[in-house]
Amino acid sequence: MFDRKVIRFLVGSTIISSLFSVGIVILTILHHLRIQELILDTRRSLQNSNLE
């Protein structure tokens, strides 16, 4: 009984921590892509204003 509880706790905490780290990675990638889009947009607007 004690062993099962410990194993269940270890498995649960491992799954939670892995989901947490995967979520952080996904958020970081999305944030990075968003920043790149903002940089590209500002570059485009700067180029457009220079052309005019």
C-alpha atoms as a PDB file:
ATOM      1  CA  MET A   1       0.000   0.000   0.000  1.00  0.00           C
ATOM      2  CA  PHE A   2       2.758   2.428   0.991  1.00  0.00           C
ATOM      3  CA  ASP A   3       4.790   1.555  -2.117  1.00  0.00           C
ATOM      4  CA  ARG A   4       1.817   2.167  -4.409  1.00  0.00           C
ATOM      5  CA  LYS A   5       1.188   5.599  -2.908  1.00  0.00           C
ATOM      6  CA  VAL A   6       4.842   6.548  -3.298  1.00  0.00           C
ATOM      7  CA  ILE A   7       4.932   5.331  -6.901  1.00  0.00           C
ATOM      8  CA  ARG A   8       1.704   7.166  -7.709  1.00  0.00           C
ATOM      9  CA  PHE A   9       3.084  10.341  -6.129  1.00  0.00           C
ATOM     10  CA  LEU A  10       6.354  10.052  -8.063  1.00  0.00           C
ATOM     11  CA  VAL A  11       4.560   9.407 -11.365  1.00  0.00           C
ATOM     12  CA  GLY A  12       2.116  12.249 -10.749  1.00  0.00           C
ATOM     13  CA  SER A  13       4.808  14.760  -9.857  1.00  0.00           C
ATOM     14  CA  THR A  14       6.910  13.672 -12.846  1.00  0.00           C
ATOM     15  CA  ILE A  15       3.966  14.117 -15.231  1.00  0.00           C
ATOM     16  CA  ILE A  16       3.093  17.501 -13.725  1.00  0.00           C
ATOM     17  CA  SER A  17       6.665  18.767 -13.927  1.00  0.00           C
ATOM     18  CA  SER A  18       7.084  17.530 -17.513  1.00  0.00           C
ATOM     19  CA  LEU A  19       3.806  19.177 -18.564  1.00  0.00           C
ATOM     20  CA  PHE A  20       4.929  22.357 -16.812  1.00  0.00           C
ATOM     21  CA  SER A  21       8.275  22.422 -18.631  1.00  0.00           C
ATOM     22  CA  VAL A  22       6.639  21.639 -21.982  1.00  0.00           C
ATOM     23  CA  GLY A  23       4.190  24.494 -21.414  1.00  0.00           C
ATOM     24  CA  ILE A  24       7.037  26.881 -20.630  1.00  0.00           C
ATOM     25  CA  VAL A  25       8.870  25.833 -23.808  1.00  0.00           C
ATOM     26  CA  ILE A  26       5.726  26.381 -25.923  1.00  0.00           C
ATOM     27  CA  LEU A  27       5.108  29.795 -24.342  1.00  0.00           C
ATOM     28  CA  THR A  28       8.740  30.765 -24.920  1.00  0.00           C
ATOM     29  CA  ILE A  29       8.547  29.748 -28.594  1.00  0.00           C
ATOM     30  CA  LEU A  30       5.273  31.644 -29.103  1.00  0.00           C
ATOM     31  CA  HIS A  31       6.699  34.700 -27.347  1.00  0.00           C
ATOM     32  CA  HIS A  32       9.836  34.555 -29.491  1.00  0.00           C
ATOM     33  CA  LEU A  33       7.790  34.294 -32.687  1.00  0.00           C
ATOM     34  CA  ARG A  34       5.631  37.225 -31.596  1.00  0.00           C
ATOM     35  CA  ILE A  35       8.723  39.360 -30.920  1.00  0.00           C
ATOM     36  CA  GLN A  36      10.121  38.434 -34.362  1.00  0.00           C
ATOM     37  CA  GLU A  37       6.832  39.480 -35.979  1.00  0.00           C
ATOM     38  CA  LEU A  38       6.932  42.805 -34.133  1.00  0.00           C
ATOM     39  CA  ILE A  39      10.525  43.395 -35.266  1.00  0.00           C
ATOM     40  CA  LEU A  40       9.593  42.570 -38.867  1.00  0.00           C
ATOM     41  CA  ASP A  41       6.579  44.906 -38.703  1.00  0.00           C
ATOM     42  CA  THR A  42       8.648  47.791 -37.359  1.00  0.00           C
ATOM     43  CA  ARG A  43      11.286  47.199 -40.033  1.00  0.00           C
ATOM     44  CA  ARG A  44       8.602  47.241 -42.738  1.00  0.00           C
ATOM     45  CA  SER A  45       7.060  50.450 -41.425  1.00  0.00           C
ATOM     46  CA  LEU A  46      10.520  52.055 -41.197  1.00  0.00           C
ATOM     47  CA  GLN A  47      11.279  51.053 -44.770  1.00  0.00           C
ATOM     48  CA  ASN A  48       7.915  52.344 -45.955  1.00  0.00           C
ATOM     49  CA  SER A  49       8.430  55.684 -44.243  1.00  0.00           C
ATOM     50  CA  ASN A  50      11.911  55.940 -45.766  1.00  0.00           C
ATOM     51  CA  LEU A  51      10.564  55.244 -49.250  1.00  0.00           C
ATOM     52  CA  GLU A  52       7.888  57.943 -49.058  1.00  0.00           C
END
